[in-house]
C-alpha atoms as a PDB file:
ATOM      1  CA  MET A   1      94.908 -33.678  -8.148  1.00  0.00           C
ATOM      2  CA  ASP A   2      97.620 -30.768  -7.887  1.00  0.00           C
ATOM      3  CA  GLU A   3     100.575 -30.813  -6.303  1.00  0.00           C
ATOM      4  CA  VAL A   4     102.676 -28.212  -5.164  1.00  0.00           C
ATOM      5  CA  LEU A   5     104.995 -27.681  -2.521  1.00  0.00           C
ATOM      6  CA  ALA A   6     104.999 -24.489  -0.294  1.00  0.00           C
ATOM      7  CA  GLU A   7     108.676 -22.795   0.425  1.00  0.00           C
ATOM      8  CA  ILE A   8     110.329 -19.679   1.594  1.00  0.00           C
ATOM      9  CA  ARG A   9     112.417 -18.041   0.620  1.00  0.00           C
ATOM     10  CA  PHE A  10     115.578 -15.123   2.082  1.00  0.00           C
ATOM     11  CA  ASP A  11     118.579 -13.836   1.456  1.00  0.00           C
ATOM     12  CA  GLY A  12     119.316 -16.384  -1.580  1.00  0.00           C
ATOM     13  CA  LEU A  13     118.087 -18.991   0.789  1.00  0.00           C
ATOM     14  CA  ARG A  14     115.305 -21.368  -0.171  1.00  0.00           C
ATOM     15  CA  TYR A  15     113.858 -23.885   1.960  1.00  0.00           C
ATOM     16  CA  GLY A  16     110.571 -26.284   0.596  1.00  0.00           C
ATOM     17  CA  TYR A  17     109.652 -29.836   1.565  1.00  0.00           C
ATOM     18  CA  TRP A  18     107.865 -28.459   5.317  1.00  0.00           C
ATOM     19  CA  GLN A  19     106.324 -31.171   6.647  1.00  0.00           C
ATOM     20  CA  LYS A  20     103.677 -29.069   8.340  1.00  0.00           C
ATOM     21  CA  VAL A  21     102.354 -25.675   6.571  1.00  0.00           C
ATOM     22  CA  ASP A  22      99.373 -23.526   8.202  1.00  0.00           C
ATOM     23  CA  ILE A  23      99.129 -20.092   6.140  1.00  0.00           C
ATOM     24  CA  ARG A  24      96.199 -17.727   7.178  1.00  0.00           C
ATOM     25  CA  GLU A  25      94.598 -14.662   5.835  1.00  0.00           C
ATOM     26  CA  SER A  26      90.974 -13.134   6.673  1.00  0.00           C
ATOM     27  CA  VAL A  27      89.211 -10.009   5.321  1.00  0.00           C
ATOM     28  CA  ASP A  28      89.003  -9.534   9.381  1.00  0.00           C
ATOM     29  CA  ASP A  29      92.958  -8.862  10.267  1.00  0.00           C
ATOM     30  CA  LEU A  30      95.592  -7.260   9.072  1.00  0.00           C
ATOM     31  CA  CYS A  31      97.913  -9.365   8.478  1.00  0.00           C
ATOM     32  CA  ALA A  32      98.536 -13.147   7.466  1.00  0.00           C
ATOM     33  CA  SER A  33     100.094 -15.815   9.780  1.00  0.00           C
ATOM     34  CA  VAL A  34     102.093 -18.654   8.433  1.00  0.00           C
ATOM     35  CA  ARG A  35     103.415 -21.747  10.695  1.00  0.00           C
ATOM     36  CA  LEU A  36     105.893 -24.046   9.159  1.00  0.00           C
ATOM     37  CA  ALA A  37     107.692 -27.401  10.812  1.00  0.00           C
ATOM     38  CA  ILE A  38     110.351 -29.335   9.649  1.00  0.00           C
ATOM     39  CA  THR A  39     112.821 -32.210  11.196  1.00  0.00           C
ATOM     40  CA  ARG A  40     116.481 -31.880  10.195  1.00  0.00           C
ATOM     41  CA  PRO A  41     119.508 -33.517  10.781  1.00  0.00           C
ATOM     42  CA  GLY A  42     122.298 -31.946  13.219  1.00  0.00           C
ATOM     43  CA  THR A  43     121.548 -29.121  15.733  1.00  0.00           C
ATOM     44  CA  GLY A  44     122.127 -25.206  16.238  1.00  0.00           C
ATOM     45  CA  ASP A  45     120.356 -24.515  12.941  1.00  0.00           C
ATOM     46  CA  SER A  46     117.600 -22.104  13.040  1.00  0.00           C
ATOM     47  CA  LEU A  47     117.944 -21.932   8.861  1.00  0.00           C
ATOM     48  CA  GLY A  48     119.574 -18.007   9.387  1.00  0.00           C
ATOM     49  CA  LEU A  49     116.123 -16.512  10.636  1.00  0.00           C
ATOM     50  CA  THR A  50     116.503 -13.561  12.374  1.00  0.00           C
ATOM     51  CA  ALA A  51     114.557 -10.835  13.727  1.00  0.00           C
ATOM     52  CA  ASN A  52     115.091  -8.552  10.111  1.00  0.00           C
ATOM     53  CA  THR A  53     114.510 -10.998   7.862  1.00  0.00           C
ATOM     54  CA  VAL A  54     112.077 -10.519   5.760  1.00  0.00           C
ATOM     55  CA  ALA A  55     111.047 -13.794   3.474  1.00  0.00           C
ATOM     56  CA  ASP A  56     108.894 -14.680   0.808  1.00  0.00           C
ATOM     57  CA  VAL A  57     106.195 -17.419   1.030  1.00  0.00           C
ATOM     58  CA  LEU A  58     105.354 -19.149  -2.252  1.00  0.00           C
ATOM     59  CA  ILE A  59     103.028 -21.979  -3.412  1.00  0.00           C
ATOM     60  CA  GLY A  60     104.626 -22.928  -6.445  1.00  0.00           C
ATOM     61  CA  ASP A  61     105.648 -20.437  -8.279  1.00  0.00           C
ATOM     62  CA  GLY A  62     103.035 -17.982  -6.461  1.00  0.00           C
ATOM     63  CA  LEU A  63     103.856 -15.568  -4.110  1.00  0.00           C
ATOM     64  CA  VAL A  64     101.369 -15.831  -1.047  1.00  0.00           C
ATOM     65  CA  THR A  65     102.662 -13.596   1.363  1.00  0.00           C
ATOM     66  CA  LYS A  66     105.825 -11.592   2.397  1.00  0.00           C
ATOM     67  CA  VAL A  67     106.499 -12.150   6.545  1.00  0.00           C
ATOM     68  CA  ARG A  68     108.983 -10.727   9.174  1.00  0.00           C
ATOM     69  CA  PRO A  69     109.395 -14.153  11.751  1.00  0.00           C
ATOM     70  CA  ASP A  70     107.606 -13.712  15.017  1.00  0.00           C
ATOM     71  CA  SER A  71     109.238 -16.699  16.791  1.00  0.00           C
ATOM     72  CA  VAL A  72     111.788 -19.761  15.948  1.00  0.00           C
ATOM     73  CA  ARG A  73     111.646 -22.622  17.925  1.00  0.00           C
ATOM     74  CA  ARG A  74     114.309 -25.493  17.794  1.00  0.00           C
ATOM     75  CA  GLN A  75     113.466 -28.567  19.676  1.00  0.00           C
ATOM     76  CA  VAL A  76     115.518 -31.078  20.335  1.00  0.00           C
ATOM     77  CA  ASP A  77     115.823 -34.865  21.672  1.00  0.00           C
ATOM     78  CA  ALA A  78     118.111 -37.939  21.434  1.00  0.00           C
ATOM     79  CA  ASP A  79     116.794 -38.883  18.185  1.00  0.00           C
ATOM     80  CA  SER A  80     115.757 -35.683  16.070  1.00  0.00           C
ATOM     81  CA  HIS A  81     115.450 -31.455  15.349  1.00  0.00           C
ATOM     82  CA  ALA A  82     112.707 -29.990  15.082  1.00  0.00           C
ATOM     83  CA  ILE A  83     111.964 -26.668  14.045  1.00  0.00           C
ATOM     84  CA  TYR A  84     109.276 -24.170  14.015  1.00  0.00           C
ATOM     85  CA  ILE A  85     108.893 -21.123  12.536  1.00  0.00           C
ATOM     86  CA  GLU A  86     106.064 -18.465  13.067  1.00  0.00           C
ATOM     87  CA  ALA A  87     105.650 -15.389  11.176  1.00  0.00           C
ATOM     88  CA  ARG A  88     103.151 -12.876   9.764  1.00  0.00           C
ATOM     89  CA  SER A  89     103.034 -10.282   7.373  1.00  0.00           C
ATOM     90  CA  LEU A  90     104.438  -6.886   7.196  1.00  0.00           C
ATOM     91  CA  GLY A  91     100.877  -5.353   8.389  1.00  0.00           C
ATOM     92  CA  ARG A  92     102.040  -7.120  11.659  1.00  0.00           C
ATOM     93  CA  GLU A  93     103.492  -3.777  13.311  1.00  0.00           C
ATOM     94  CA  LEU A  94     100.079  -2.341  12.908  1.00  0.00           C
ATOM     95  CA  VAL A  95      98.717  -5.195  15.176  1.00  0.00           C
ATOM     96  CA  ASP A  96     101.364  -5.050  17.932  1.00  0.00           C
ATOM     97  CA  CYS A  97     102.468  -1.588  18.357  1.00  0.00           C
ATOM     98  CA  GLN A  98     100.806   1.455  19.823  1.00  0.00           C
ATOM     99  CA  TYR A  99     100.991   4.718  18.780  1.00  0.00           C
ATOM    100  CA  SER A 100      99.511   7.934  18.896  1.00  0.00           C
ATOM    101  CA  LYS A 101      98.430  10.452  15.886  1.00  0.00           C
ATOM    102  CA  THR A 102      95.378  12.883  15.326  1.00  0.00           C
ATOM    103  CA  LEU A 103      94.459  13.309  11.642  1.00  0.00           C
ATOM    104  CA  SER A 104      91.702  15.996  10.532  1.00  0.00           C
ATOM    105  CA  GLY A 105      89.610  16.591   7.668  1.00  0.00           C
ATOM    106  CA  LEU A 106      91.176  13.863   5.325  1.00  0.00           C
ATOM    107  CA  LYS A 107      89.692  10.802   3.462  1.00  0.00           C
ATOM    108  CA  LEU A 108      89.868   7.528   4.850  1.00  0.00           C
ATOM    109  CA  GLY A 109      92.134   6.234   2.074  1.00  0.00           C
ATOM    110  CA  GLU A 110      94.381   8.848   2.722  1.00  0.00           C
ATOM    111  CA  ILE A 111      94.259   8.436   6.673  1.00  0.00           C
ATOM    112  CA  VAL A 112      94.988   4.566   5.786  1.00  0.00           C
ATOM    113  CA  LYS A 113      97.981   5.613   3.362  1.00  0.00           C
ATOM    114  CA  ARG A 114     100.024   7.744   6.052  1.00  0.00           C
ATOM    115  CA  ILE A 115      99.345   5.577   8.903  1.00  0.00           C
ATOM    116  CA  CYS A 116     100.632   2.232   7.036  1.00  0.00           C
ATOM    117  CA  SER A 117     103.403   4.579   5.795  1.00  0.00           C
ATOM    118  CA  THR A 118     104.730   5.422   8.697  1.00  0.00           C
ATOM    119  CA  PHE A 119     105.125   1.478   9.794  1.00  0.00           C
ATOM    120  CA  LYS A 120     106.145   0.900   6.195  1.00  0.00           C
ATOM    121  CA  VAL A 121     103.257  -0.746   4.905  1.00  0.00           C
ATOM    122  CA  PRO A 122     102.215  -0.812   1.407  1.00  0.00           C
ATOM    123  CA  VAL A 123      98.712  -0.316   0.792  1.00  0.00           C
ATOM    124  CA  LYS A 124      96.566  -0.113  -1.973  1.00  0.00           C
ATOM    125  CA  ILE A 125      93.188   1.941  -2.376  1.00  0.00           C
ATOM    126  CA  GLU A 126      90.872   0.867  -4.426  1.00  0.00           C
ATOM    127  CA  ALA A 127      87.839   2.545  -3.449  1.00  0.00           C
ATOM    128  CA  GLU A 128      86.637   5.953  -2.987  1.00  0.00           C
ATOM    129  CA  THR A 129      86.047   7.171   0.444  1.00  0.00           C
ATOM    130  CA  ALA A 130      84.553   9.584   2.325  1.00  0.00           C
ATOM    131  CA  VAL A 131      85.971  12.522   4.585  1.00  0.00           C
ATOM    132  CA  VAL A 132      87.107  11.783   8.241  1.00  0.00           C
ATOM    133  CA  PRO A 133      86.694  15.194  10.292  1.00  0.00           C
ATOM    134  CA  ASP A 134      88.111  13.845  13.101  1.00  0.00           C
ATOM    135  CA  PHE A 135      90.477  10.661  13.663  1.00  0.00           C
ATOM    136  CA  SER A 136      92.535  10.158  16.615  1.00  0.00           C
ATOM    137  CA  MET A 137      94.686   7.580  18.136  1.00  0.00           C
ATOM    138  CA  GLN A 138      95.998   7.889  21.408  1.00  0.00           C
ATOM    139  CA  CYS A 139      98.667   4.976  22.742  1.00  0.00           C
ATOM    140  CA  GLU A 140      96.418   2.269  21.349  1.00  0.00           C
ATOM    141  CA  LEU A 141      96.904  -0.429  18.815  1.00  0.00           C
ATOM    142  CA  PRO A 142      96.492   1.301  15.273  1.00  0.00           C
ATOM    143  CA  ALA A 143      94.574  -1.647  14.415  1.00  0.00           C
ATOM    144  CA  ASN A 144      91.650  -1.101  15.945  1.00  0.00           C
ATOM    145  CA  ALA A 145      91.506   2.122  14.807  1.00  0.00           C
ATOM    146  CA  LEU A 146      91.650   1.326  11.250  1.00  0.00           C
ATOM    147  CA  ILE A 147      89.028  -1.476  11.574  1.00  0.00           C
ATOM    148  CA  ASN A 148      86.968   0.151  12.958  1.00  0.00           C
ATOM    149  CA  ALA A 149      86.857   3.281  10.226  1.00  0.00           C
ATOM    150  CA  VAL A 150      86.651   1.203   7.879  1.00  0.00           C
ATOM    151  CA  ARG A 151      83.753  -1.311   9.172  1.00  0.00           C
ATOM    152  CA  ALA A 152      82.021   1.847   9.742  1.00  0.00           C
ATOM    153  CA  ALA A 153      82.256   2.667   5.596  1.00  0.00           C
ATOM    154  CA  ASN A 154      81.196  -0.498   4.956  1.00  0.00           C
ATOM    155  CA  LEU A 155      84.512  -1.349   3.124  1.00  0.00           C
ATOM    156  CA  LEU A 156      87.476  -4.156   3.641  1.00  0.00           C
ATOM    157  CA  LEU A 157      90.801  -4.018   4.923  1.00  0.00           C
ATOM    158  CA  TYR A 158      93.053  -7.062   4.040  1.00  0.00           C
ATOM    159  CA  PRO A 159      96.894  -8.206   3.274  1.00  0.00           C
ATOM    160  CA  LEU A 160      97.708  -8.892  -0.061  1.00  0.00           C
ATOM    161  CA  PRO A 161     100.748 -11.428  -1.005  1.00  0.00           C
ATOM    162  CA  ASP A 162     103.255  -8.287  -1.317  1.00  0.00           C
ATOM    163  CA  GLY A 163     102.776  -8.489   2.861  1.00  0.00           C
ATOM    164  CA  GLY A 164     101.051  -5.026   2.379  1.00  0.00           C
ATOM    165  CA  LEU A 165      97.241  -4.056   2.616  1.00  0.00           C
ATOM    166  CA  VAL A 166      94.496  -3.137  -0.071  1.00  0.00           C
ATOM    167  CA  LEU A 167      91.178  -1.207   1.090  1.00  0.00           C
ATOM    168  CA  THR A 168      88.638  -2.407  -1.120  1.00  0.00           C
ATOM    169  CA  LYS A 169      84.856  -3.121  -1.252  1.00  0.00           C
ATOM    170  CA  PRO A 170      83.850  -6.694  -1.018  1.00  0.00           C
ATOM    171  CA  THR A 171      83.956  -8.367  -4.289  1.00  0.00           C
ATOM    172  CA  ASP A 172      80.713  -8.470  -6.645  1.00  0.00           C
ATOM    173  CA  ALA A 173      82.698 -10.561  -9.007  1.00  0.00           C
ATOM    174  CA  ALA A 174      80.953 -13.826 -10.463  1.00  0.00           C
ATOM    175  CA  PRO A 175      82.054 -17.150  -8.440  1.00  0.00           C
ATOM    176  CA  VAL A 176      85.475 -18.169  -9.577  1.00  0.00           C
ATOM    177  CA  ALA A 177      84.647 -21.848  -9.150  1.00  0.00           C
ATOM    178  CA  SER A 178      82.042 -24.064  -8.197  1.00  0.00           C
ATOM    179  CA  LEU A 179      82.314 -26.667  -5.541  1.00  0.00           C
ATOM    180  CA  GLU A 180      79.732 -29.294  -4.506  1.00  0.00           C
ATOM    181  CA  TYR A 181      80.208 -31.761  -1.728  1.00  0.00           C
ATOM    182  CA  GLY A 182      81.432 -35.261  -2.695  1.00  0.00           C
ATOM    183  CA  VAL A 183      83.068 -34.118  -5.644  1.00  0.00           C
ATOM    184  CA  HIS A 184      85.051 -31.188  -4.272  1.00  0.00           C
ATOM    185  CA  ILE A 185      84.200 -30.717  -0.898  1.00  0.00           C
ATOM    186  CA  LYS A 186      86.354 -33.097   1.540  1.00  0.00           C
ATOM    187  CA  ARG A 187      83.966 -32.167   4.511  1.00  0.00           C
ATOM    188  CA  TYR A 188      81.977 -29.319   5.500  1.00  0.00           C
ATOM    189  CA  GLU A 189      80.598 -27.635   8.844  1.00  0.00           C
ATOM    190  CA  VAL A 190      77.521 -25.448   8.783  1.00  0.00           C
ATOM    191  CA  VAL A 191      78.279 -23.079  11.834  1.00  0.00           C
ATOM    192  CA  ASP A 192      75.464 -21.051  13.863  1.00  0.00           C
ATOM    193  CA  GLU A 193      77.733 -18.801  16.209  1.00  0.00           C
ATOM    194  CA  PHE A 194      74.908 -16.991  18.337  1.00  0.00           C
ATOM    195  CA  LYS A 195      77.355 -15.978  20.463  1.00  0.00           C
ATOM    196  CA  LEU A 196      77.989 -12.778  17.889  1.00  0.00           C
ATOM    197  CA  ARG A 197      74.542 -12.229  18.196  1.00  0.00           C
ATOM    198  CA  PHE A 198      72.868  -9.614  20.698  1.00  0.00           C
ATOM    199  CA  SER A 199      69.421  -8.235  21.245  1.00  0.00           C
ATOM    200  CA  ASP A 200      69.873  -4.578  21.313  1.00  0.00           C
ATOM    201  CA  TYR A 201      72.514  -2.295  19.228  1.00  0.00           C
ATOM    202  CA  VAL A 202      72.681   0.983  20.919  1.00  0.00           C
ATOM    203  CA  ILE A 203      75.549   3.473  19.013  1.00  0.00           C
ATOM    204  CA  LYS A 204      76.288   6.630  21.137  1.00  0.00           C
ATOM    205  CA  GLY A 205      78.457   9.496  20.090  1.00  0.00           C
ATOM    206  CA  TYR A 206      78.963  13.170  20.328  1.00  0.00           C
ATOM    207  CA  ASP A 207      78.631  15.912  17.787  1.00  0.00           C
ATOM    208  CA  TYR A 208      80.846  18.572  18.519  1.00  0.00           C
ATOM    209  CA  ALA A 209      79.868  21.020  16.328  1.00  0.00           C
ATOM    210  CA  SER A 210      76.212  21.402  17.596  1.00  0.00           C
ATOM    211  CA  ASP A 211      77.497  20.514  21.494  1.00  0.00           C
ATOM    212  CA  ALA A 212      75.004  17.665  21.011  1.00  0.00           C
ATOM    213  CA  ALA A 213      74.309  14.444  22.295  1.00  0.00           C
ATOM    214  CA  LEU A 214      74.027  11.627  19.397  1.00  0.00           C
ATOM    215  CA  LYS A 215      72.462   8.426  19.318  1.00  0.00           C
ATOM    216  CA  GLY A 216      71.553   5.319  17.582  1.00  0.00           C
ATOM    217  CA  ALA A 217      69.528   1.824  18.151  1.00  0.00           C
ATOM    218  CA  ALA A 218      68.582  -1.219  16.378  1.00  0.00           C
ATOM    219  CA  LYS A 219      67.041  -4.144  17.421  1.00  0.00           C
ATOM    220  CA  ASP A 220      67.499  -8.631  16.658  1.00  0.00           C
ATOM    221  CA  GLY A 221      64.200  -9.942  17.047  1.00  0.00           C
ATOM    222  CA  GLY A 222      65.673 -13.144  16.940  1.00  0.00           C
ATOM    223  CA  ILE A 223      67.301 -12.831  20.515  1.00  0.00           C
ATOM    224  CA  GLY A 224      64.625 -13.249  23.441  1.00  0.00           C
ATOM    225  CA  PHE A 225      66.271 -12.102  26.319  1.00  0.00           C
ATOM    226  CA  PHE A 226      68.342  -9.149  27.044  1.00  0.00           C
ATOM    227  CA  ARG A 227      72.023  -9.323  25.567  1.00  0.00           C
ATOM    228  CA  PRO A 228      73.001  -5.775  24.639  1.00  0.00           C
ATOM    229  CA  MET A 229      75.879  -3.919  22.872  1.00  0.00           C
ATOM    230  CA  HIS A 230      76.609  -0.690  23.867  1.00  0.00           C
ATOM    231  CA  ILE A 231      79.045   1.071  21.245  1.00  0.00           C
ATOM    232  CA  VAL A 232      80.683   4.281  21.366  1.00  0.00           C
ATOM    233  CA  ALA A 233      80.731   6.071  17.933  1.00  0.00           C
ATOM    234  CA  ASP A 234      84.668   6.833  18.741  1.00  0.00           C
ATOM    235  CA  ARG A 235      86.705   9.373  16.899  1.00  0.00           C
ATOM    236  CA  HIS A 236      87.957   6.729  14.362  1.00  0.00           C
ATOM    237  CA  GLY A 237      84.740   6.425  12.382  1.00  0.00           C
ATOM    238  CA  HIS A 238      83.016   9.559  13.358  1.00  0.00           C
ATOM    239  CA  GLY A 239      81.759  11.116   9.842  1.00  0.00           C
ATOM    240  CA  LEU A 240      81.023   7.959   8.076  1.00  0.00           C
ATOM    241  CA  GLY A 241      77.582   7.678   8.676  1.00  0.00           C
ATOM    242  CA  GLY A 242      74.397   8.369  11.309  1.00  0.00           C
ATOM    243  CA  CYS A 243      74.245   6.599  14.677  1.00  0.00           C
ATOM    244  CA  ASP A 244      70.949   4.857  13.481  1.00  0.00           C
ATOM    245  CA  ARG A 245      72.603   3.858  10.320  1.00  0.00           C
ATOM    246  CA  ARG A 246      75.981   2.380  12.349  1.00  0.00           C
ATOM    247  CA  ALA A 247      73.276   0.551  14.450  1.00  0.00           C
ATOM    248  CA  ASN A 248      71.906  -1.360  12.037  1.00  0.00           C
ATOM    249  CA  LEU A 249      75.045  -2.323  10.288  1.00  0.00           C
ATOM    250  CA  GLU A 250      76.394  -3.467  13.506  1.00  0.00           C
ATOM    251  CA  ARG A 251      73.541  -5.843  13.933  1.00  0.00           C
ATOM    252  CA  ASN A 252      72.961  -7.003  10.624  1.00  0.00           C
ATOM    253  CA  ARG A 253      76.777  -7.757  10.121  1.00  0.00           C
ATOM    254  CA  ARG A 254      76.936  -9.728  13.238  1.00  0.00           C
ATOM    255  CA  LEU A 255      73.481 -11.043  12.053  1.00  0.00           C
ATOM    256  CA  ALA A 256      75.189 -12.418   8.945  1.00  0.00           C
ATOM    257  CA  ARG A 257      78.403 -13.331   9.890  1.00  0.00           C
ATOM    258  CA  ALA A 258      76.758 -15.720  12.617  1.00  0.00           C
ATOM    259  CA  HIS A 259      75.447 -17.916  10.050  1.00  0.00           C
ATOM    260  CA  ARG A 260      78.949 -19.679   7.843  1.00  0.00           C
ATOM    261  CA  ILE A 261      80.261 -22.284   6.091  1.00  0.00           C
ATOM    262  CA  GLU A 262      83.588 -23.933   7.078  1.00  0.00           C
ATOM    263  CA  LEU A 263      84.443 -26.286   4.013  1.00  0.00           C
ATOM    264  CA  GLU A 264      87.994 -28.425   3.164  1.00  0.00           C
ATOM    265  CA  VAL A 265      89.029 -28.891  -0.167  1.00  0.00           C
ATOM    266  CA  PRO A 266      91.742 -31.132  -1.454  1.00  0.00           C
ATOM    267  CA  GLY A 267      94.980 -29.159  -2.775  1.00  0.00           C
ATOM    268  CA  TRP A 268      95.643 -25.352  -2.642  1.00  0.00           C
ATOM    269  CA  ARG A 269      94.809 -24.304  -5.965  1.00  0.00           C
ATOM    270  CA  TYR A 270      91.819 -24.401  -8.224  1.00  0.00           C
ATOM    271  CA  GLN A 271      91.438 -24.214 -11.925  1.00  0.00           C
ATOM    272  CA  ASP A 272      90.129 -20.915 -13.361  1.00  0.00           C
ATOM    273  CA  GLU A 273      87.867 -20.801 -16.798  1.00  0.00           C
ATOM    274  CA  ASP A 274      90.884 -21.006 -18.856  1.00  0.00           C
ATOM    275  CA  GLY A 275      92.391 -24.156 -16.792  1.00  0.00           C
ATOM    276  CA  ASN A 276      95.121 -22.591 -15.509  1.00  0.00           C
ATOM    277  CA  TRP A 277      95.573 -23.183 -11.823  1.00  0.00           C
ATOM    278  CA  GLN A 278      95.045 -20.089  -9.507  1.00  0.00           C
ATOM    279  CA  LEU A 279      95.829 -19.817  -5.352  1.00  0.00           C
ATOM    280  CA  TRP A 280      92.514 -19.397  -3.307  1.00  0.00           C
ATOM    281  CA  ALA A 281      91.955 -15.894  -2.446  1.00  0.00           C
ATOM    282  CA  ILE A 282      90.270 -14.012   0.302  1.00  0.00           C
ATOM    283  CA  ASN A 283      87.233 -11.558  -0.885  1.00  0.00           C
ATOM    284  CA  THR A 284      86.317 -13.941  -4.177  1.00  0.00           C
ATOM    285  CA  GLN A 285      83.440 -15.685  -4.456  1.00  0.00           C
ATOM    286  CA  VAL A 286      82.386 -19.237  -5.092  1.00  0.00           C
ATOM    287  CA  ARG A 287      79.294 -21.384  -5.561  1.00  0.00           C
ATOM    288  CA  VAL A 288      78.488 -23.726  -2.809  1.00  0.00           C
ATOM    289  CA  ILE A 289      76.531 -26.844  -3.566  1.00  0.00           C
ATOM    290  CA  ILE A 290      75.636 -28.937  -0.281  1.00  0.00           C
ATOM    291  CA  PRO A 291      72.009 -30.997  -1.615  1.00  0.00           C
ATOM    292  CA  GLU A 292      71.676 -32.704   2.042  1.00  0.00           C
ATOM    293  CA  GLU A 293      71.359 -29.148   3.442  1.00  0.00           C
ATOM    294  CA  GLY A 294      69.740 -27.634   1.063  1.00  0.00           C
ATOM    295  CA  ILE A 295      72.533 -25.071   0.076  1.00  0.00           C
ATOM    296  CA  ASP A 296      73.019 -23.698  -3.772  1.00  0.00           C
ATOM    297  CA  ASP A 297      74.361 -20.255  -3.561  1.00  0.00           C
ATOM    298  CA  VAL A 298      76.956 -17.950  -4.102  1.00  0.00           C
ATOM    299  CA  PHE A 299      79.073 -17.232  -1.010  1.00  0.00           C
ATOM    300  CA  LEU A 300      82.374 -14.899  -0.454  1.00  0.00           C
ATOM    301  CA  ILE A 301      85.311 -16.416   1.008  1.00  0.00           C
ATOM    302  CA  GLY A 302      85.973 -14.509   4.402  1.00  0.00           C
ATOM    303  CA  GLU A 303      89.106 -16.831   5.426  1.00  0.00           C
ATOM    304  CA  ARG A 304      91.279 -18.918   3.736  1.00  0.00           C
ATOM    305  CA  THR A 305      94.051 -21.162   5.425  1.00  0.00           C
ATOM    306  CA  PHE A 306      96.334 -23.326   3.235  1.00  0.00           C
ATOM    307  CA  ARG A 307      97.448 -26.579   5.378  1.00  0.00           C
ATOM    308  CA  LEU A 308      99.617 -29.597   5.258  1.00  0.00           C
ATOM    309  CA  ASP A 309     100.534 -32.250   7.531  1.00  0.00           C
ATOM    310  CA  ASP A 310     100.970 -35.849   7.340  1.00  0.00           C
ATOM    311  CA  LYS A 311      97.795 -37.393   8.161  1.00  0.00           C
ATOM    312  CA  GLY A 312      95.582 -34.937   5.740  1.00  0.00           C
ATOM    313  CA  GLY A 313      97.991 -34.162   3.019  1.00  0.00           C
ATOM    314  CA  SER A 314      97.466 -30.102   1.643  1.00  0.00           C
ATOM    315  CA  VAL A 315      94.270 -28.892   1.611  1.00  0.00           C
ATOM    316  CA  THR A 316      92.612 -25.505   1.776  1.00  0.00           C
ATOM    317  CA  LEU A 317      90.267 -24.949   4.182  1.00  0.00           C
ATOM    318  CA  LEU A 318      87.529 -21.736   3.049  1.00  0.00           C
ATOM    319  CA  GLN A 319      85.522 -20.055   5.584  1.00  0.00           C
ATOM    320  CA  VAL A 320      82.290 -18.904   3.504  1.00  0.00           C
ATOM    321  CA  MET A 321      79.803 -16.388   3.929  1.00  0.00           C
ATOM    322  CA  HIS A 322      77.113 -14.050   2.167  1.00  0.00           C
ATOM    323  CA  ARG A 323      78.504 -11.267   0.920  1.00  0.00           C
ATOM    324  CA  ASP A 324      75.708  -9.160   3.023  1.00  0.00           C
ATOM    325  CA  ALA A 325      77.932 -10.287   6.113  1.00  0.00           C
ATOM    326  CA  PHE A 326      80.852  -7.679   4.728  1.00  0.00           C
ATOM    327  CA  ILE A 327      78.378  -4.735   3.505  1.00  0.00           C
ATOM    328  CA  GLY A 328      76.037  -5.273   6.748  1.00  0.00           C
ATOM    329  CA  GLU A 329      73.065  -5.686   4.699  1.00  0.00           C
ATOM    330  CA  GLU A 330      70.208  -8.266   5.734  1.00  0.00           C
ATOM    331  CA  LYS A 331      70.296 -11.534   3.087  1.00  0.00           C
ATOM    332  CA  LYS A 332      68.070 -10.758   0.728  1.00  0.00           C
ATOM    333  CA  LYS A 333      65.664 -13.806  -0.665  1.00  0.00           C
ATOM    334  CA  SER A 334      66.749 -14.787  -4.152  1.00  0.00           C
ATOM    335  CA  LYS A 335      66.489 -17.904  -6.430  1.00  0.00           C
ATOM    336  CA  ARG A 336      68.935 -20.816  -5.462  1.00  0.00           C
ATOM    337  CA  GLY A 337      70.823 -22.683  -8.465  1.00  0.00           C
ATOM    338  CA  ALA A 338      72.024 -19.080 -10.237  1.00  0.00           C
ATOM    339  CA  GLY A 339      74.194 -20.899 -12.521  1.00  0.00           C
ATOM    340  CA  VAL A 340      78.578 -20.719 -12.434  1.00  0.00           C
ATOM    341  CA  LYS A 341      81.179 -22.516 -14.491  1.00  0.00           C
ATOM    342  CA  GLY A 342      82.226 -25.064 -12.352  1.00  0.00           C
ATOM    343  CA  SER A 343      85.219 -26.000 -11.056  1.00  0.00           C
ATOM    344  CA  ARG A 344      87.911 -28.075 -13.314  1.00  0.00           C
ATOM    345  CA  LYS A 345      89.653 -29.808  -9.735  1.00  0.00           C
END
């Protein structure tokens, strides 16, 4: 089994051998979250972390993320001195701060660049984007505005190892590995989260150019009682699609995300086709085989958590869904069991 250490580096210092590790990333969040814990001799030592520290978080020699600390807690009693660190990657300022900005006639990619540059968050644009006629934030969280606009464009905006963000499409690349229950998968959960679904989706907007109200609607036939979701086609995503298209997108995205699989696999890395160890990453695809559930299909990794504790050792938690969940399309019927080279874990 692959064994590597998690480590943080900053100001010429290096700390490894953590007793608890939790490093989480999701395609739905603009920053990675890191939680670390260790017990050390003595007292009065916060490892030198300050509010201005920027630390690299590595697993083995691979950079996982670049973070600023949110909190450092020290718990002391007669027998122990424990240090708990919580931190998030550089995109956290987009999540925490409230800000005002109005932009007109720019492509979505340029809007993302401008807002991220204001907060010194690196960003990579890997998708062609449409013009957004009007984009405005008034004393609100930049993350909400960006995520709304990005989702309306059927794109993803998520954290990279350098602490910044990437604006891109859900990957359609070949699966990086094949995971089979009883061979590579230690534990799994099949989740049907019905609360994500609504009976009626209604999108309301206003076309100021023609002075006309806009409206679009879609239904989820699987919800047999009145449970509506009314959404204002706000200025963040205005111009990225008609109201009917956005209503269908919202329904299809929620329908697909309501059914997902959560996997626990040993270690933090997998072997690629060339036998090289790679860290598990979001927005990559895997083939999942669970014969007991009749599952043999390709899924996209939407959330990934590296975890270490004294009970389970080092494991990776993968939340996987069909790629359709991220592009707002209904799942198309296809043959099961499309071939893919297996993981060599």
